[in-house]
Protein backbone atom coordinates (compact mmCIF):
# COMPACT_ATOMS: atom_id res chain seq x y z
CA UNK A 1 23.07 -51.63 -21.07
CA UNK A 2 21.13 -49.71 -18.43
CA UNK A 3 22.40 -48.81 -14.95
CA UNK A 4 20.19 -47.73 -12.24
CA UNK A 5 21.23 -44.39 -10.84
CA UNK A 6 20.13 -42.58 -7.68
CA UNK A 7 16.52 -41.32 -7.48
CA UNK A 8 15.34 -43.79 -9.95
CA UNK A 9 17.14 -42.40 -13.01
CA UNK A 10 18.58 -44.82 -15.51
CA UNK A 11 21.84 -44.48 -17.43
CA UNK A 12 22.16 -46.02 -20.91
CA UNK A 13 25.83 -46.95 -21.43
CA UNK A 14 27.96 -48.27 -24.21
CA UNK A 15 30.52 -50.82 -23.13
CA UNK A 16 34.07 -50.15 -23.94
CA UNK A 17 35.95 -52.90 -25.84
CA UNK A 18 38.70 -53.09 -23.30
CA UNK A 19 36.34 -53.28 -20.28
CA UNK A 20 35.46 -56.48 -18.50
CA UNK A 21 33.38 -56.65 -15.42
CA UNK A 22 32.32 -59.82 -13.55
CA UNK A 23 28.76 -60.61 -13.73
CA UNK A 24 28.85 -61.55 -10.05
CA UNK A 25 31.47 -60.49 -7.59
CA UNK A 26 32.54 -62.93 -4.84
CA UNK A 27 31.09 -62.00 -1.45
CA UNK A 28 34.31 -62.17 0.67
CA UNK A 29 36.11 -60.01 -1.96
CA UNK A 30 33.41 -57.51 -1.49
CA UNK A 31 33.72 -57.51 2.30
CA UNK A 32 37.57 -57.30 2.24
CA UNK A 33 37.95 -54.91 -0.69
CA UNK A 34 34.97 -52.51 -0.28
CA UNK A 35 36.98 -49.45 -0.86
CA UNK A 36 38.77 -50.91 -3.82
CA UNK A 37 35.53 -52.09 -5.34
CA UNK A 38 34.11 -48.67 -5.12
CA UNK A 39 37.22 -47.17 -6.65
CA UNK A 40 36.90 -49.82 -9.45
CA UNK A 41 33.29 -48.94 -9.98
CA UNK A 42 34.09 -45.24 -10.43
CA UNK A 43 36.91 -46.29 -12.70
CA UNK A 44 34.36 -48.26 -14.70
CA UNK A 45 32.10 -45.29 -14.92
CA UNK A 46 34.87 -43.27 -16.35
CA UNK A 47 35.29 -45.77 -19.20
CA UNK A 48 31.73 -45.71 -20.39
CA UNK A 49 30.11 -43.29 -22.87
CA UNK A 50 26.76 -41.80 -21.73
CA UNK A 51 24.11 -41.58 -24.42
CA UNK A 52 21.22 -39.88 -22.55
CA UNK A 53 19.35 -40.04 -19.38
CA UNK A 54 15.62 -40.56 -19.20
CA UNK A 55 15.22 -36.98 -17.72
CA UNK A 56 17.36 -35.69 -20.44
CA UNK A 57 15.27 -37.46 -22.98
CA UNK A 58 12.10 -35.89 -21.57
CA UNK A 59 13.94 -32.54 -21.73
CA UNK A 60 14.87 -33.03 -25.41
CA UNK A 61 11.31 -34.08 -26.39
CA UNK A 62 9.90 -30.97 -24.58
CA UNK A 63 12.48 -28.70 -26.33
CA UNK A 64 11.52 -30.25 -29.69
CA UNK A 65 7.89 -29.71 -28.97
CA UNK A 66 8.44 -26.07 -28.11
CA UNK A 67 10.55 -25.54 -31.21
CA UNK A 68 7.87 -27.16 -33.41
CA UNK A 69 5.19 -24.97 -31.74
CA UNK A 70 7.27 -21.90 -32.29
CA UNK A 71 7.75 -22.75 -36.02
CA UNK A 72 3.97 -23.36 -36.30
CA UNK A 73 3.28 -20.03 -34.81
CA UNK A 74 5.80 -18.26 -37.08
CA UNK A 75 4.22 -20.02 -40.15
CA UNK A 76 0.66 -18.99 -39.10
CA UNK A 77 1.86 -15.37 -38.58
CA UNK A 78 3.50 -15.45 -42.01
CA UNK A 79 0.43 -16.77 -43.59
CA UNK A 80 -1.72 -14.15 -41.88
CA UNK A 81 0.65 -11.46 -43.06
CA UNK A 82 0.51 -12.73 -46.61
CA UNK A 83 -3.27 -12.83 -46.40
CA UNK A 84 -3.41 -9.22 -45.11
CA UNK A 85 -0.99 -8.13 -47.93
CA UNK A 86 -3.09 -9.87 -50.54
CA UNK A 87 -6.31 -8.36 -49.09
CA UNK A 88 -4.71 -4.91 -49.27
CA UNK A 89 -3.55 -5.59 -52.76
CA UNK A 90 -7.07 -6.61 -53.85
CA UNK A 91 -8.82 -3.80 -51.90
CA UNK A 92 -8.68 -1.21 -54.79
CA UNK A 93 -9.77 -4.06 -57.13
CA UNK A 94 -12.85 -4.68 -55.01
CA UNK A 95 -13.49 -0.96 -54.84
CA UNK A 96 -13.54 -0.67 -58.71
CA UNK A 97 -15.64 -3.88 -59.13
CA UNK A 98 -18.29 -2.94 -56.64
CA UNK A 99 -18.61 0.71 -57.62
CA UNK A 100 -21.88 1.78 -59.29
CA UNK A 101 -23.68 5.03 -60.11
CA UNK A 102 -26.16 6.17 -57.54
CA UNK A 103 -29.72 4.92 -57.88
CA UNK A 104 -32.02 7.36 -59.57
CA UNK A 105 -34.66 8.37 -56.96
CA UNK A 106 -38.07 9.69 -58.21
CA UNK A 107 -39.23 10.57 -61.69
CA UNK A 108 -37.18 12.21 -64.37
CA UNK A 109 -37.55 13.84 -67.74
CA UNK A 110 -37.26 11.32 -70.52
CA UNK A 111 -34.84 12.13 -73.39
CA UNK A 112 -35.11 8.88 -75.20
CA UNK A 113 -32.97 9.62 -78.33
CA UNK A 114 -30.17 11.12 -76.29
CA UNK A 115 -30.31 8.21 -73.88
CA UNK A 116 -30.12 5.58 -76.62
CA UNK A 117 -27.29 7.36 -78.49
CA UNK A 118 -25.21 7.54 -75.38
CA UNK A 119 -26.06 4.05 -74.37
CA UNK A 120 -24.82 2.70 -77.71
CA UNK A 121 -21.64 4.77 -77.38
CA UNK A 122 -20.65 3.75 -73.92
CA UNK A 123 -21.90 0.18 -73.65
CA UNK A 124 -20.62 -1.26 -76.93
CA UNK A 125 -18.49 -4.38 -76.73
CA UNK A 126 -14.87 -3.84 -75.50
CA UNK A 127 -13.36 -4.83 -78.80
CA UNK A 128 -15.15 -2.08 -80.55
CA UNK A 129 -14.03 0.61 -78.21
CA UNK A 130 -10.78 2.43 -79.21
CA UNK A 131 -11.66 5.86 -78.08
CA UNK A 132 -12.80 7.86 -74.97
CA UNK A 133 -16.04 9.91 -74.77
CA UNK A 134 -16.20 13.55 -73.95
CA UNK A 135 -19.63 14.83 -72.83
CA UNK A 136 -20.21 18.50 -73.10
CA UNK A 137 -23.15 20.85 -72.51
CA UNK A 138 -24.24 23.88 -70.48
CA UNK A 139 -23.94 23.71 -66.71
CA UNK A 140 -27.01 21.99 -65.18
CA UNK A 141 -28.24 20.84 -68.56
CA UNK A 142 -28.49 17.17 -67.43
CA UNK A 143 -25.22 15.54 -68.50
CA UNK A 144 -24.52 13.68 -65.24
CA UNK A 145 -28.11 12.65 -64.93
CA UNK A 146 -28.09 11.22 -68.47
CA UNK A 147 -24.86 9.23 -67.76
CA UNK A 148 -26.36 7.96 -64.56
CA UNK A 149 -29.42 6.55 -66.37
CA UNK A 150 -27.24 4.87 -69.04
CA UNK A 151 -25.05 3.18 -66.47
CA UNK A 152 -27.79 2.37 -63.91
CA UNK A 153 -27.32 -1.08 -62.42
CA UNK A 154 -23.96 -1.72 -64.06
CA UNK A 155 -21.06 -2.88 -61.92
CA UNK A 156 -17.46 -1.60 -62.29
CA UNK A 157 -18.49 2.16 -62.81
CA UNK A 158 -15.82 4.13 -61.00
CA UNK A 159 -16.25 7.87 -60.63
CA UNK A 160 -13.61 10.54 -59.72
CA UNK A 161 -14.23 14.32 -59.54
CA UNK A 162 -11.20 16.53 -60.12
CA UNK A 163 -10.20 19.54 -57.97
CA UNK A 164 -8.41 22.44 -59.47
CA UNK A 165 -4.66 21.98 -59.40
CA UNK A 166 -4.95 18.20 -59.09
CA UNK A 167 -3.85 15.75 -61.79
CA UNK A 168 -6.05 12.88 -62.72
CA UNK A 169 -3.30 10.47 -61.68
CA UNK A 170 -2.99 11.90 -58.21
CA UNK A 171 -6.84 12.04 -57.81
CA UNK A 172 -7.13 8.29 -58.67
CA UNK A 173 -4.18 7.46 -56.31
CA UNK A 174 -6.02 9.16 -53.48
CA UNK A 175 -9.41 7.67 -54.14
CA UNK A 176 -8.10 4.13 -54.65
CA UNK A 177 -5.50 4.34 -51.81
CA UNK A 178 -2.56 3.38 -53.99
CA UNK A 179 0.88 4.82 -54.08
CA UNK A 180 1.90 4.73 -57.62
CA UNK A 181 0.75 4.33 -61.28
CA UNK A 182 1.86 0.70 -61.36
CA UNK A 183 -0.50 -0.25 -58.51
CA UNK A 184 -3.45 1.78 -60.15
CA UNK A 185 -2.81 0.13 -63.56
CA UNK A 186 -2.75 -3.33 -61.97
CA UNK A 187 -5.91 -2.66 -60.03
CA UNK A 188 -7.94 -1.67 -63.20
CA UNK A 189 -6.48 -4.58 -65.22
CA UNK A 190 -7.36 -7.03 -62.43
CA UNK A 191 -10.81 -5.52 -62.09
CA UNK A 192 -11.35 -6.09 -65.82
CA UNK A 193 -10.35 -9.67 -65.47
CA UNK A 194 -12.64 -10.38 -62.60
CA UNK A 195 -15.60 -8.48 -64.19
CA UNK A 196 -15.15 -10.05 -67.61
CA UNK A 197 -15.22 -6.68 -69.23
CA UNK A 198 -13.54 -3.34 -68.95
CA UNK A 199 -14.69 -1.09 -66.02
CA UNK A 200 -16.07 2.38 -66.82
CA UNK A 201 -14.09 5.34 -65.53
CA UNK A 202 -16.17 8.53 -65.16
CA UNK A 203 -14.11 11.75 -64.82
CA UNK A 204 -16.14 14.79 -63.78
CA UNK A 205 -14.65 18.19 -64.45
CA UNK A 206 -16.40 20.96 -62.63
CA UNK A 207 -16.74 24.38 -64.26
CA UNK A 208 -14.38 25.84 -61.58
CA UNK A 209 -11.47 23.70 -62.67
CA UNK A 210 -9.31 26.07 -64.68
CA UNK A 211 -5.70 24.93 -64.05
CA UNK A 212 -4.11 24.08 -67.34
CA UNK A 213 -1.93 21.34 -65.76
CA UNK A 214 -5.03 19.64 -64.48
CA UNK A 215 -6.79 19.75 -67.87
CA UNK A 216 -3.73 18.60 -69.86
CA UNK A 217 -3.24 15.69 -67.47
CA UNK A 218 -6.78 14.40 -68.41
CA UNK A 219 -6.01 14.57 -72.12
CA UNK A 220 -2.80 12.43 -71.79
CA UNK A 221 -4.41 10.03 -69.28
CA UNK A 222 -7.49 9.35 -71.40
CA UNK A 223 -5.42 8.54 -74.48
CA UNK A 224 -3.16 6.17 -72.65
CA UNK A 225 -5.70 4.58 -70.24
CA UNK A 226 -8.61 4.23 -72.53
CA UNK A 227 -7.01 3.75 -75.87
CA UNK A 228 -3.34 2.44 -75.68
CA UNK A 229 -3.63 0.19 -72.62
CA UNK A 230 -7.48 -0.37 -72.94
CA UNK A 231 -7.79 -0.62 -69.14
CA UNK A 232 -11.13 1.12 -68.92
CA UNK A 233 -13.90 2.83 -70.91
CA UNK A 234 -13.25 6.38 -70.12
CA UNK A 235 -16.07 8.95 -70.07
CA UNK A 236 -15.34 12.64 -69.31
CA UNK A 237 -18.00 15.25 -68.59
CA UNK A 238 -17.13 19.03 -68.93
CA UNK A 239 -19.38 21.96 -68.21
CA UNK A 240 -17.78 24.37 -70.71
CA UNK A 241 -16.35 24.45 -74.18
CA UNK A 242 -13.32 26.23 -72.61
CA UNK A 243 -12.62 23.25 -70.40
CA UNK A 244 -13.29 20.72 -73.21
CA UNK A 245 -10.84 22.47 -75.50
CA UNK A 246 -7.83 21.34 -73.39
CA UNK A 247 -8.84 17.68 -73.62
CA UNK A 248 -7.48 16.75 -77.07
CA UNK A 249 -7.95 13.39 -78.49
CA UNK A 250 -5.82 12.89 -81.57
CA UNK A 251 -8.79 11.27 -83.30
CA UNK A 252 -9.30 9.06 -80.19
CA UNK A 253 -11.98 11.40 -78.68
CA UNK A 254 -15.72 11.10 -79.49
CA UNK A 255 -17.69 14.18 -78.64
CA UNK A 256 -21.27 13.87 -77.21
CA UNK A 257 -23.14 17.20 -76.79
CA UNK A 258 -26.20 17.44 -74.50
CA UNK A 259 -28.34 20.36 -75.72
CA UNK A 260 -30.86 22.34 -73.55
CA UNK A 261 -34.53 21.33 -73.64
CA UNK A 262 -36.61 22.94 -76.25
CA UNK A 263 -39.86 24.59 -75.34
CA UNK A 264 -41.83 21.76 -77.00
CA UNK A 265 -39.86 19.12 -74.93
CA UNK A 266 -40.65 20.94 -71.72
CA UNK A 267 -44.33 21.11 -72.37
CA UNK A 268 -44.35 17.36 -72.88
CA UNK A 269 -43.01 16.96 -69.41
CA UNK A 270 -45.74 18.97 -67.60
CA UNK A 271 -46.38 16.09 -65.20
CA UNK A 272 -42.84 16.23 -63.96
CA UNK A 273 -42.70 19.95 -63.77
CA UNK A 274 -46.07 19.88 -61.79
CA UNK A 275 -44.31 17.70 -59.12
CA UNK A 276 -41.58 20.39 -58.84
CA UNK A 277 -44.10 23.09 -58.62
CA UNK A 278 -46.43 21.28 -56.22
CA UNK A 279 -49.53 21.86 -58.31
CA UNK A 280 -50.66 21.63 -61.94
CA UNK A 281 -48.45 23.77 -64.14
CA UNK A 282 -49.85 25.96 -67.00
CA UNK A 283 -48.28 26.38 -70.40
CA UNK A 284 -47.88 30.09 -69.65
CA UNK A 285 -45.85 29.27 -66.49
CA UNK A 286 -43.54 27.06 -68.62
CA UNK A 287 -43.22 29.89 -71.18
CA UNK A 288 -42.27 32.38 -68.49
CA UNK A 289 -39.56 30.15 -66.99
CA UNK A 290 -38.18 29.05 -70.35
CA UNK A 291 -37.87 32.73 -71.36
CA UNK A 292 -35.24 33.14 -68.62
CA UNK A 293 -33.54 29.78 -68.37
CA UNK A 294 -33.66 28.68 -72.05
CA UNK A 295 -34.15 25.00 -71.31
CA UNK A 296 -31.46 24.38 -68.80
CA UNK A 297 -33.23 21.78 -66.72
CA UNK A 298 -31.30 22.40 -63.50
CA UNK A 299 -32.46 26.09 -63.52
CA UNK A 300 -35.98 25.12 -64.50
CA UNK A 301 -36.25 22.71 -61.62
CA UNK A 302 -34.74 25.16 -59.21
CA UNK A 303 -37.14 27.93 -60.28
CA UNK A 304 -40.26 25.83 -59.92
CA UNK A 305 -39.17 24.39 -56.57
CA UNK A 306 -38.61 27.95 -55.27
CA UNK A 307 -42.00 28.92 -56.76
CA UNK A 308 -43.64 26.19 -54.70
CA UNK A 309 -42.62 28.12 -51.52
CA UNK A 310 -42.40 31.77 -52.61
CA UNK A 311 -44.67 31.95 -55.64
CA UNK A 312 -43.77 32.05 -59.23
CA UNK A 313 -43.24 35.90 -59.62
CA UNK A 314 -40.64 35.93 -56.77
CA UNK A 315 -38.84 32.92 -58.33
CA UNK A 316 -38.84 34.55 -61.74
CA UNK A 317 -37.45 37.86 -60.31
CA UNK A 318 -34.54 36.01 -58.66
CA UNK A 319 -33.69 34.02 -61.84
CA UNK A 320 -33.84 37.32 -63.88
CA UNK A 321 -31.26 38.92 -61.59
CA UNK A 322 -29.03 35.87 -62.06
CA UNK A 323 -29.24 36.13 -65.79
CA UNK A 324 -28.58 39.88 -65.75
CA UNK A 325 -25.34 39.25 -63.74
CA UNK A 326 -24.18 36.93 -66.50
CA UNK A 327 -24.86 39.64 -69.06
CA UNK A 328 -22.93 42.27 -66.96
CA UNK A 329 -20.00 39.91 -66.64
CA UNK A 330 -20.05 39.35 -70.48
CA UNK A 331 -19.79 43.11 -70.96
CA UNK A 332 -16.48 43.07 -69.18
CA UNK A 333 -14.80 40.78 -71.71
CA UNK A 334 -13.64 43.45 -74.11
CA UNK A 335 -12.48 45.66 -71.19
CA UNK A 336 -10.62 42.72 -69.72
CA UNK A 337 -8.55 41.99 -72.83
CA UNK A 338 -10.91 40.24 -75.14
CA UNK A 339 -10.79 36.71 -76.48
CA UNK A 340 -7.62 34.61 -76.59
CA UNK A 341 -3.88 35.46 -76.47
CA UNK A 342 -4.44 37.94 -79.27
CA UNK A 343 -6.71 39.94 -77.03
CA UNK A 344 -9.47 40.24 -79.64
CA UNK A 345 -12.07 42.61 -78.31
CA UNK A 346 -15.14 41.32 -80.16
CA UNK A 347 -17.46 40.33 -77.40
CA UNK A 348 -19.83 43.14 -78.13
CA UNK A 349 -19.74 42.43 -81.88
CA UNK A 350 -20.39 38.73 -81.24
CA UNK A 351 -23.34 39.61 -78.97
CA UNK A 352 -24.88 41.81 -81.59
CA UNK A 353 -24.39 39.05 -84.30
CA UNK A 354 -26.11 36.42 -82.02
CA UNK A 355 -28.91 38.94 -81.38
CA UNK A 356 -29.42 39.47 -85.09
CA UNK A 357 -29.79 35.75 -85.66
CA UNK A 358 -32.86 33.87 -84.75
CA UNK A 359 -32.89 32.29 -81.24
CA UNK A 360 -33.19 28.76 -82.68
CA UNK A 361 -30.69 29.17 -85.56
CA UNK A 362 -27.90 30.88 -83.56
CA UNK A 363 -24.90 32.68 -85.23
CA UNK A 364 -22.29 30.59 -87.16
CA UNK A 365 -19.08 31.75 -88.75
CA UNK A 366 -15.86 29.96 -89.57
CA UNK A 367 -13.89 33.15 -90.14
CA UNK A 368 -13.47 34.63 -86.74
CA UNK A 369 -10.20 35.98 -85.21
CA UNK A 370 -10.89 33.73 -82.17
CA UNK A 371 -11.82 30.14 -81.95
CA UNK A 372 -14.49 28.31 -79.83
CA UNK A 373 -11.87 27.24 -77.32
CA UNK A 374 -10.64 30.84 -76.69
CA UNK A 375 -14.24 31.92 -76.37
CA UNK A 376 -14.96 29.08 -74.00
CA UNK A 377 -11.92 29.87 -71.73
CA UNK A 378 -12.87 33.49 -71.52
CA UNK A 379 -16.49 33.16 -70.67
CA UNK A 380 -15.65 30.46 -68.13
CA UNK A 381 -12.98 32.53 -66.37
CA UNK A 382 -15.32 35.52 -66.13
CA UNK A 383 -18.43 33.33 -65.33
CA UNK A 384 -20.20 35.11 -68.16
CA UNK A 385 -22.53 32.66 -69.83
CA UNK A 386 -25.25 34.39 -71.72
CA UNK A 387 -23.78 32.95 -74.95
CA UNK A 388 -22.64 29.35 -75.39
CA UNK A 389 -21.05 27.54 -78.28
CA UNK A 390 -22.93 24.57 -79.79
CA UNK A 391 -20.34 22.17 -81.39
CA UNK A 392 -22.97 20.23 -83.31
CA UNK A 393 -24.07 23.20 -85.38
CA UNK A 394 -20.76 25.09 -84.92
CA UNK A 395 -22.67 28.14 -83.81
CA UNK A 396 -22.77 30.74 -81.10
CA UNK A 397 -26.18 30.72 -79.30
CA UNK A 398 -28.06 32.84 -76.79
CA UNK A 399 -28.80 31.03 -73.45
CA UNK A 400 -32.48 32.04 -73.45
CA UNK A 401 -35.03 34.13 -75.24
CA UNK A 402 -34.60 36.89 -72.68
CA UNK A 403 -30.82 36.86 -73.14
CA UNK A 404 -31.21 36.86 -76.95
CA UNK A 405 -33.24 40.06 -76.69
CA UNK A 406 -30.76 41.74 -74.31
CA UNK A 407 -27.63 40.98 -76.26
CA UNK A 408 -28.52 43.60 -78.83
CA UNK A 409 -28.46 46.31 -76.22
CA UNK A 410 -25.06 45.38 -74.88
CA UNK A 411 -22.80 48.53 -75.11
CA UNK A 412 -19.35 48.44 -76.48
CA UNK A 413 -16.26 48.69 -74.32
CA UNK A 414 -15.75 52.23 -75.37
CA UNK A 415 -19.32 53.24 -74.33
CA UNK A 416 -18.96 51.30 -71.05
CA UNK A 417 -15.89 53.25 -70.15
CA UNK A 418 -17.58 56.49 -70.99
CA UNK A 419 -20.50 55.59 -68.82
CA UNK A 420 -18.14 54.72 -66.03
CA UNK A 421 -16.46 58.14 -66.26
CA UNK A 422 -19.84 59.93 -66.17
């Protein structure tokens, strides 16, 4: 039942069981009993139960609409937050997937056999990879360039360079922007699923990295990440035998040595050397540079590029002074405590043995009171590199023909101290 109220509002009422009201009141009763009728009417109102008014109904609908809108906005905000969280979770995955080695600009020296061997080692099918690769060789010999050529155009090649005192885990956390190992492991695993193959993780160890904790962290990480969990194909490049000696593999490490260029190889690359030199290069020019650099391609390139501006004699003179500094640093080994924890003062003796051997053949011995790792650590710490260790031939070699001749004239520690007193 609807009752019309003031200002056009309607009242919906529910009639009480005990209420009776005449449909039509007699007119004379109305006239004589106006006050009583009004009192009865108000008494009637007190006996009905209001359900809602039209204005109240409008108010209820408006409140419901506002509540629905608020819930919708909350749901949209929640979905946006979840989307942002998922995008942040996927960010390191995309970073791994889209990573590539830099494009090679310009010409380069072709080392086809080395290229093919490293390519077969790194790019073999995932199911046949149960090891990590350790690439070694002299500083500036072309290790990084060779890896760059092998992985050119491949997606999912993630590179990290270690700083001294930094563990590999913390370095990866920083580069990927993750807070813990669990997030890092998930990112590499997810990247592998999306790529359809394991990503490649390149770890560069600069020659100046000497912290034992840093080097040990690489060894443990490579075995777990590359072998046990199989989350990535791990490739490590190290510039010295001393650095490489701390990265043990427990038969899970495959060594790949990048040797210096031979004189014959360099002369086959006259076209490339001429581009560095800025004019056609002669065999005698290559002979002169090789005599000092010994086939380290980075030094060869630097020498010919300097010669382009200053002339070859000046460039050779500067390179000779650099090599002589290495020889002087090497002479300090015996005075500084020798090789290894046993302080074996045999640097002069080793230099003379290398000088007595041919330049190509080097000096090999399995019965020395120090091992290649102790030798590598010592020369790395003193930055004394006239001699390097070749793991393939297990021999100690002179860096260049010039160094090979000079090694025989290195004085013993005793003579050096006498000369210093004089």
